[in-house]
Amino acid sequence: MEPEKKSNGALVGLIIIIIILVVGGIYMWQSNKNAVENQGMPVPSETVTTQDSVDLDTLDQDLNTTDIDVGASVIDSVQ
């Protein structure tokens, strides 16, 4: 009988995939870093306007006035 040859193909493939992911991550990190440096100051993703604040206050008031009691109790249903 011939001795079995160990195949390292799966290990080599895994190492290649990990290297590709690390290189891609470094590329994305550097490109994002360069984009922020080129703009000077980071741009906020969203700007809150006065209308947004009014809408949030209205929703908060609506939530506070809504009756959420449904008459069920979690403790009663367990026993």
PDB file of N, CA and C in Angstrom:
ATOM      1  N   MET A   1       0.826  -1.186   0.000  1.00  0.00           N
ATOM      2  CA  MET A   1       0.000   0.000   0.000  1.00  0.00           C
ATOM      3  C   MET A   1       0.872   1.251   0.000  1.00  0.00           C
ATOM      4  N   GLU A   2       0.377   2.238  -0.684  1.00  0.00           N
ATOM      5  CA  GLU A   2       1.090   3.506  -0.731  1.00  0.00           C
ATOM      6  C   GLU A   2       0.717   4.346   0.483  1.00  0.00           C
ATOM      7  N   PRO A   3       1.677   5.079   1.051  1.00  0.00           N
ATOM      8  CA  PRO A   3       1.324   5.957   2.180  1.00  0.00           C
ATOM      9  C   PRO A   3       0.444   7.108   1.690  1.00  0.00           C
ATOM     10  N   GLU A   4      -0.485   7.512   2.544  1.00  0.00           N
ATOM     11  CA  GLU A   4      -1.392   8.597   2.171  1.00  0.00           C
ATOM     12  C   GLU A   4      -0.648   9.929   2.153  1.00  0.00           C
ATOM     13  N   LYS A   5      -0.906  10.707   1.138  1.00  0.00           N
ATOM     14  CA  LYS A   5      -0.321  12.035   1.052  1.00  0.00           C
ATOM     15  C   LYS A   5      -1.302  13.030   1.668  1.00  0.00           C
ATOM     16  N   LYS A   6      -0.799  13.848   2.543  1.00  0.00           N
ATOM     17  CA  LYS A   6      -1.664  14.841   3.167  1.00  0.00           C
ATOM     18  C   LYS A   6      -1.803  16.032   2.218  1.00  0.00           C
ATOM     19  N   SER A   7      -3.020  16.452   2.048  1.00  0.00           N
ATOM     20  CA  SER A   7      -3.294  17.584   1.175  1.00  0.00           C
ATOM     21  C   SER A   7      -3.505  18.823   2.036  1.00  0.00           C
ATOM     22  N   ASN A   8      -2.795  19.854   1.718  1.00  0.00           N
ATOM     23  CA  ASN A   8      -2.927  21.114   2.440  1.00  0.00           C
ATOM     24  C   ASN A   8      -3.711  22.140   1.633  1.00  0.00           C
ATOM     25  N   GLY A   9      -4.480  21.694   0.682  1.00  0.00           N
ATOM     26  CA  GLY A   9      -5.224  22.602  -0.188  1.00  0.00           C
ATOM     27  C   GLY A   9      -6.222  23.461   0.562  1.00  0.00           C
ATOM     28  N   ALA A  10      -6.934  22.871   1.523  1.00  0.00           N
ATOM     29  CA  ALA A  10      -7.926  23.641   2.274  1.00  0.00           C
ATOM     30  C   ALA A  10      -7.244  24.706   3.131  1.00  0.00           C
ATOM     31  N   LEU A  11      -6.134  24.357   3.724  1.00  0.00           N
ATOM     32  CA  LEU A  11      -5.407  25.315   4.558  1.00  0.00           C
ATOM     33  C   LEU A  11      -4.852  26.464   3.713  1.00  0.00           C
ATOM     34  N   VAL A  12      -4.312  26.149   2.560  1.00  0.00           N
ATOM     35  CA  VAL A  12      -3.774  27.181   1.671  1.00  0.00           C
ATOM     36  C   VAL A  12      -4.906  28.095   1.192  1.00  0.00           C
ATOM     37  N   GLY A  13      -6.039  27.517   0.851  1.00  0.00           N
ATOM     38  CA  GLY A  13      -7.186  28.322   0.416  1.00  0.00           C
ATOM     39  C   GLY A  13      -7.672  29.243   1.513  1.00  0.00           C
ATOM     40  N   LEU A  14      -7.729  28.733   2.736  1.00  0.00           N
ATOM     41  CA  LEU A  14      -8.154  29.553   3.870  1.00  0.00           C
ATOM     42  C   LEU A  14      -7.187  30.700   4.106  1.00  0.00           C
ATOM     43  N   ILE A  15      -5.899  30.444   4.032  1.00  0.00           N
ATOM     44  CA  ILE A  15      -4.900  31.494   4.218  1.00  0.00           C
ATOM     45  C   ILE A  15      -5.015  32.557   3.136  1.00  0.00           C
ATOM     46  N   ILE A  16      -5.267  32.150   1.891  1.00  0.00           N
ATOM     47  CA  ILE A  16      -5.426  33.111   0.795  1.00  0.00           C
ATOM     48  C   ILE A  16      -6.652  33.988   1.017  1.00  0.00           C
ATOM     49  N   ILE A  17      -7.751  33.382   1.456  1.00  0.00           N
ATOM     50  CA  ILE A  17      -8.973  34.149   1.710  1.00  0.00           C
ATOM     51  C   ILE A  17      -8.747  35.153   2.833  1.00  0.00           C
ATOM     52  N   ILE A  18      -8.076  34.738   3.895  1.00  0.00           N
ATOM     53  CA  ILE A  18      -7.808  35.648   5.015  1.00  0.00           C
ATOM     54  C   ILE A  18      -6.924  36.811   4.560  1.00  0.00           C
ATOM     55  N   ILE A  19      -5.918  36.523   3.751  1.00  0.00           N
ATOM     56  CA  ILE A  19      -5.039  37.584   3.247  1.00  0.00           C
ATOM     57  C   ILE A  19      -5.822  38.574   2.390  1.00  0.00           C
ATOM     58  N   ILE A  20      -6.711  38.064   1.532  1.00  0.00           N
ATOM     59  CA  ILE A  20      -7.531  38.941   0.688  1.00  0.00           C
ATOM     60  C   ILE A  20      -8.434  39.827   1.542  1.00  0.00           C
ATOM     61  N   LEU A  21      -9.044  39.265   2.590  1.00  0.00           N
ATOM     62  CA  LEU A  21      -9.910  40.052   3.465  1.00  0.00           C
ATOM     63  C   LEU A  21      -9.122  41.125   4.214  1.00  0.00           C
ATOM     64  N   VAL A  22      -7.929  40.791   4.687  1.00  0.00           N
ATOM     65  CA  VAL A  22      -7.122  41.770   5.410  1.00  0.00           C
ATOM     66  C   VAL A  22      -6.687  42.892   4.470  1.00  0.00           C
ATOM     67  N   VAL A  23      -6.226  42.541   3.275  1.00  0.00           N
ATOM     68  CA  VAL A  23      -5.798  43.562   2.321  1.00  0.00           C
ATOM     69  C   VAL A  23      -6.982  44.449   1.917  1.00  0.00           C
ATOM     70  N   GLY A  24      -8.149  43.856   1.711  1.00  0.00           N
ATOM     71  CA  GLY A  24      -9.339  44.639   1.371  1.00  0.00           C
ATOM     72  C   GLY A  24      -9.743  45.569   2.501  1.00  0.00           C
ATOM     73  N   GLY A  25      -9.645  45.086   3.739  1.00  0.00           N
ATOM     74  CA  GLY A  25      -9.972  45.926   4.889  1.00  0.00           C
ATOM     75  C   GLY A  25      -9.028  47.100   5.021  1.00  0.00           C
ATOM     76  N   ILE A  26      -7.745  46.850   4.828  1.00  0.00           N
ATOM     77  CA  ILE A  26      -6.764  47.939   4.894  1.00  0.00           C
ATOM     78  C   ILE A  26      -7.016  48.954   3.778  1.00  0.00           C
ATOM     79  N   TYR A  27      -7.341  48.466   2.590  1.00  0.00           N
ATOM     80  CA  TYR A  27      -7.628  49.370   1.466  1.00  0.00           C
ATOM     81  C   TYR A  27      -8.836  50.254   1.773  1.00  0.00           C
ATOM     82  N   MET A  28      -9.910  49.640   2.295  1.00  0.00           N
ATOM     83  CA  MET A  28     -11.120  50.416   2.604  1.00  0.00           C
ATOM     84  C   MET A  28     -10.838  51.435   3.708  1.00  0.00           C
ATOM     85  N   TRP A  29     -10.080  51.037   4.718  1.00  0.00           N
ATOM     86  CA  TRP A  29      -9.757  51.931   5.822  1.00  0.00           C
ATOM     87  C   TRP A  29      -8.950  53.122   5.325  1.00  0.00           C
ATOM     88  N   GLN A  30      -7.953  52.862   4.499  1.00  0.00           N
ATOM     89  CA  GLN A  30      -7.114  53.949   3.986  1.00  0.00           C
ATOM     90  C   GLN A  30      -7.893  54.870   3.051  1.00  0.00           C
ATOM     91  N   SER A  31      -8.759  54.301   2.203  1.00  0.00           N
ATOM     92  CA  SER A  31      -9.520  55.150   1.285  1.00  0.00           C
ATOM     93  C   SER A  31     -10.509  56.021   2.052  1.00  0.00           C
ATOM     94  N   ASN A  32     -11.108  55.485   3.122  1.00  0.00           N
ATOM     95  CA  ASN A  32     -12.014  56.285   3.943  1.00  0.00           C
ATOM     96  C   ASN A  32     -11.236  57.362   4.686  1.00  0.00           C
ATOM     97  N   LYS A  33     -10.066  57.027   5.190  1.00  0.00           N
ATOM     98  CA  LYS A  33      -9.228  57.987   5.901  1.00  0.00           C
ATOM     99  C   LYS A  33      -8.805  59.122   4.967  1.00  0.00           C
ATOM    100  N   ASN A  34      -8.430  58.793   3.746  1.00  0.00           N
ATOM    101  CA  ASN A  34      -8.020  59.805   2.779  1.00  0.00           C
ATOM    102  C   ASN A  34      -9.186  60.698   2.375  1.00  0.00           C
ATOM    103  N   ALA A  35     -10.372  60.135   2.261  1.00  0.00           N
ATOM    104  CA  ALA A  35     -11.545  60.922   1.885  1.00  0.00           C
ATOM    105  C   ALA A  35     -11.866  61.946   2.960  1.00  0.00           C
ATOM    106  N   VAL A  36     -11.747  61.563   4.225  1.00  0.00           N
ATOM    107  CA  VAL A  36     -12.028  62.486   5.320  1.00  0.00           C
ATOM    108  C   VAL A  36     -10.965  63.572   5.378  1.00  0.00           C
ATOM    109  N   GLU A  37      -9.704  63.212   5.168  1.00  0.00           N
ATOM    110  CA  GLU A  37      -8.634  64.206   5.197  1.00  0.00           C
ATOM    111  C   GLU A  37      -8.767  65.206   4.055  1.00  0.00           C
ATOM    112  N   ASN A  38      -9.231  64.762   2.905  1.00  0.00           N
ATOM    113  CA  ASN A  38      -9.379  65.665   1.757  1.00  0.00           C
ATOM    114  C   ASN A  38     -10.498  66.669   1.965  1.00  0.00           C
ATOM    115  N   GLN A  39     -11.489  66.326   2.762  1.00  0.00           N
ATOM    116  CA  GLN A  39     -12.606  67.230   3.001  1.00  0.00           C
ATOM    117  C   GLN A  39     -12.314  68.219   4.123  1.00  0.00           C
ATOM    118  N   GLY A  40     -11.301  67.986   4.879  1.00  0.00           N
ATOM    119  CA  GLY A  40     -10.975  68.882   5.984  1.00  0.00           C
ATOM    120  C   GLY A  40     -11.693  68.474   7.241  1.00  0.00           C
ATOM    121  N   MET A  41     -12.978  68.725   7.294  1.00  0.00           N
ATOM    122  CA  MET A  41     -13.773  68.341   8.454  1.00  0.00           C
ATOM    123  C   MET A  41     -14.716  67.219   8.049  1.00  0.00           C
ATOM    124  N   PRO A  42     -14.934  66.268   8.953  1.00  0.00           N
ATOM    125  CA  PRO A  42     -15.895  65.219   8.625  1.00  0.00           C
ATOM    126  C   PRO A  42     -17.300  65.795   8.500  1.00  0.00           C
ATOM    127  N   VAL A  43     -18.028  65.324   7.527  1.00  0.00           N
ATOM    128  CA  VAL A  43     -19.384  65.795   7.275  1.00  0.00           C
ATOM    129  C   VAL A  43     -20.350  64.929   8.065  1.00  0.00           C
ATOM    130  N   PRO A  44     -21.219  65.545   8.872  1.00  0.00           N
ATOM    131  CA  PRO A  44     -22.187  64.722   9.607  1.00  0.00           C
ATOM    132  C   PRO A  44     -23.120  64.015   8.634  1.00  0.00           C
ATOM    133  N   SER A  45     -23.480  62.787   8.998  1.00  0.00           N
ATOM    134  CA  SER A  45     -24.309  62.005   8.100  1.00  0.00           C
ATOM    135  C   SER A  45     -25.717  62.587   7.977  1.00  0.00           C
ATOM    136  N   GLU A  46     -26.201  63.197   9.046  1.00  0.00           N
ATOM    137  CA  GLU A  46     -27.533  63.797   9.013  1.00  0.00           C
ATOM    138  C   GLU A  46     -27.488  65.127   9.752  1.00  0.00           C
ATOM    139  N   THR A  47     -28.307  66.045   9.319  1.00  0.00           N
ATOM    140  CA  THR A  47     -28.415  67.328   9.995  1.00  0.00           C
ATOM    141  C   THR A  47     -29.828  67.446  10.540  1.00  0.00           C
ATOM    142  N   VAL A  48     -29.952  67.717  11.828  1.00  0.00           N
ATOM    143  CA  VAL A  48     -31.263  67.842  12.460  1.00  0.00           C
ATOM    144  C   VAL A  48     -31.751  69.266  12.255  1.00  0.00           C
ATOM    145  N   THR A  49     -32.935  69.371  11.684  1.00  0.00           N
ATOM    146  CA  THR A  49     -33.526  70.686  11.449  1.00  0.00           C
ATOM    147  C   THR A  49     -34.568  70.977  12.523  1.00  0.00           C
ATOM    148  N   THR A  50     -35.082  72.191  12.507  1.00  0.00           N
ATOM    149  CA  THR A  50     -36.117  72.574  13.460  1.00  0.00           C
ATOM    150  C   THR A  50     -37.379  71.746  13.232  1.00  0.00           C
ATOM    151  N   GLN A  51     -37.687  71.471  11.981  1.00  0.00           N
ATOM    152  CA  GLN A  51     -38.876  70.670  11.680  1.00  0.00           C
ATOM    153  C   GLN A  51     -38.724  69.252  12.238  1.00  0.00           C
ATOM    154  N   ASP A  52     -37.518  68.695  12.165  1.00  0.00           N
ATOM    155  CA  ASP A  52     -37.285  67.372  12.732  1.00  0.00           C
ATOM    156  C   ASP A  52     -37.529  67.384  14.234  1.00  0.00           C
ATOM    157  N   SER A  53     -37.078  68.437  14.900  1.00  0.00           N
ATOM    158  CA  SER A  53     -37.273  68.552  16.340  1.00  0.00           C
ATOM    159  C   SER A  53     -38.752  68.655  16.688  1.00  0.00           C
ATOM    160  N   VAL A  54     -39.498  69.421  15.903  1.00  0.00           N
ATOM    161  CA  VAL A  54     -40.945  69.556  16.130  1.00  0.00           C
ATOM    162  C   VAL A  54     -41.632  68.215  15.914  1.00  0.00           C
ATOM    163  N   ASP A  55     -41.250  67.493  14.868  1.00  0.00           N
ATOM    164  CA  ASP A  55     -41.848  66.187  14.594  1.00  0.00           C
ATOM    165  C   ASP A  55     -41.567  65.199  15.722  1.00  0.00           C
ATOM    166  N   LEU A  56     -40.341  65.221  16.244  1.00  0.00           N
ATOM    167  CA  LEU A  56     -40.005  64.321  17.342  1.00  0.00           C
ATOM    168  C   LEU A  56     -40.779  64.667  18.604  1.00  0.00           C
ATOM    169  N   ASP A  57     -40.962  65.959  18.873  1.00  0.00           N
ATOM    170  CA  ASP A  57     -41.749  66.367  20.036  1.00  0.00           C
ATOM    171  C   ASP A  57     -43.204  65.923  19.889  1.00  0.00           C
ATOM    172  N   THR A  58     -43.744  66.046  18.687  1.00  0.00           N
ATOM    173  CA  THR A  58     -45.122  65.622  18.430  1.00  0.00           C
ATOM    174  C   THR A  58     -45.262  64.110  18.638  1.00  0.00           C
ATOM    175  N   LEU A  59     -44.326  63.350  18.136  1.00  0.00           N
ATOM    176  CA  LEU A  59     -44.370  61.899  18.332  1.00  0.00           C
ATOM    177  C   LEU A  59     -44.234  61.527  19.802  1.00  0.00           C
ATOM    178  N   ASP A  60     -43.395  62.241  20.540  1.00  0.00           N
ATOM    179  CA  ASP A  60     -43.221  61.976  21.959  1.00  0.00           C
ATOM    180  C   ASP A  60     -44.510  62.261  22.724  1.00  0.00           C
ATOM    181  N   GLN A  61     -45.177  63.365  22.394  1.00  0.00           N
ATOM    182  CA  GLN A  61     -46.447  63.686  23.048  1.00  0.00           C
ATOM    183  C   GLN A  61     -47.504  62.645  22.717  1.00  0.00           C
ATOM    184  N   ASP A  62     -47.535  62.194  21.472  1.00  0.00           N
ATOM    185  CA  ASP A  62     -48.490  61.172  21.061  1.00  0.00           C
ATOM    186  C   ASP A  62     -48.242  59.866  21.798  1.00  0.00           C
ATOM    187  N   LEU A  63     -46.983  59.513  21.974  1.00  0.00           N
ATOM    188  CA  LEU A  63     -46.637  58.293  22.681  1.00  0.00           C
ATOM    189  C   LEU A  63     -47.031  58.379  24.153  1.00  0.00           C
ATOM    190  N   ASN A  64     -46.847  59.543  24.753  1.00  0.00           N
ATOM    191  CA  ASN A  64     -47.191  59.709  26.158  1.00  0.00           C
ATOM    192  C   ASN A  64     -48.693  59.672  26.392  1.00  0.00           C
ATOM    193  N   THR A  65     -49.496  60.059  25.414  1.00  0.00           N
ATOM    194  CA  THR A  65     -50.948  60.070  25.588  1.00  0.00           C
ATOM    195  C   THR A  65     -51.610  58.770  25.150  1.00  0.00           C
ATOM    196  N   THR A  66     -50.880  57.865  24.517  1.00  0.00           N
ATOM    197  CA  THR A  66     -51.460  56.619  24.034  1.00  0.00           C
ATOM    198  C   THR A  66     -51.603  55.634  25.181  1.00  0.00           C
ATOM    199  N   ASP A  67     -52.784  55.021  25.281  1.00  0.00           N
ATOM    200  CA  ASP A  67     -53.038  54.006  26.300  1.00  0.00           C
ATOM    201  C   ASP A  67     -52.522  52.667  25.778  1.00  0.00           C
ATOM    202  N   ILE A  68     -51.494  52.146  26.421  1.00  0.00           N
ATOM    203  CA  ILE A  68     -50.900  50.892  25.950  1.00  0.00           C
ATOM    204  C   ILE A  68     -51.261  49.722  26.844  1.00  0.00           C
ATOM    205  N   ASP A  69     -52.145  49.922  27.817  1.00  0.00           N
ATOM    206  CA  ASP A  69     -52.558  48.836  28.705  1.00  0.00           C
ATOM    207  C   ASP A  69     -53.558  47.946  27.977  1.00  0.00           C
ATOM    208  N   VAL A  70     -53.193  46.706  27.751  1.00  0.00           N
ATOM    209  CA  VAL A  70     -54.067  45.777  27.028  1.00  0.00           C
ATOM    210  C   VAL A  70     -54.781  44.833  27.979  1.00  0.00           C
ATOM    211  N   GLY A  71     -54.551  44.966  29.268  1.00  0.00           N
ATOM    212  CA  GLY A  71     -55.267  44.151  30.244  1.00  0.00           C
ATOM    213  C   GLY A  71     -54.674  42.767  30.413  1.00  0.00           C
ATOM    214  N   ALA A  72     -53.550  42.491  29.847  1.00  0.00           N
ATOM    215  CA  ALA A  72     -52.920  41.181  30.006  1.00  0.00           C
ATOM    216  C   ALA A  72     -51.719  41.319  30.921  1.00  0.00           C
ATOM    217  N   SER A  73     -51.439  40.243  31.622  1.00  0.00           N
ATOM    218  CA  SER A  73     -50.304  40.248  32.513  1.00  0.00           C
ATOM    219  C   SER A  73     -49.424  39.052  32.190  1.00  0.00           C
ATOM    220  N   VAL A  74     -48.152  39.264  32.103  1.00  0.00           N
ATOM    221  CA  VAL A  74     -47.225  38.180  31.788  1.00  0.00           C
ATOM    222  C   VAL A  74     -47.142  37.213  32.955  1.00  0.00           C
ATOM    223  N   ILE A  75     -47.202  37.729  34.167  1.00  0.00           N
ATOM    224  CA  ILE A  75     -47.099  36.858  35.343  1.00  0.00           C
ATOM    225  C   ILE A  75     -48.299  35.942  35.435  1.00  0.00           C
ATOM    226  N   ASP A  76     -49.507  36.433  35.130  1.00  0.00           N
ATOM    227  CA  ASP A  76     -50.705  35.592  35.196  1.00  0.00           C
ATOM    228  C   ASP A  76     -50.660  34.479  34.162  1.00  0.00           C
ATOM    229  N   SER A  77     -50.108  34.725  32.992  1.00  0.00           N
ATOM    230  CA  SER A  77     -50.105  33.712  31.951  1.00  0.00           C
ATOM    231  C   SER A  77     -49.068  32.618  32.223  1.00  0.00           C
ATOM    232  N   VAL A  78     -48.064  32.890  33.054  1.00  0.00           N
ATOM    233  CA  VAL A  78     -47.040  31.893  33.363  1.00  0.00           C
ATOM    234  C   VAL A  78     -47.554  30.893  34.365  1.00  0.00           C
ATOM    235  N   GLN A  79     -48.371  31.320  35.317  1.00  0.00           N
ATOM    236  CA  GLN A  79     -48.843  30.426  36.382  1.00  0.00           C
ATOM    237  C   GLN A  79     -49.922  29.530  35.943  1.00  0.00           C
TER     238      GLN A  79
END
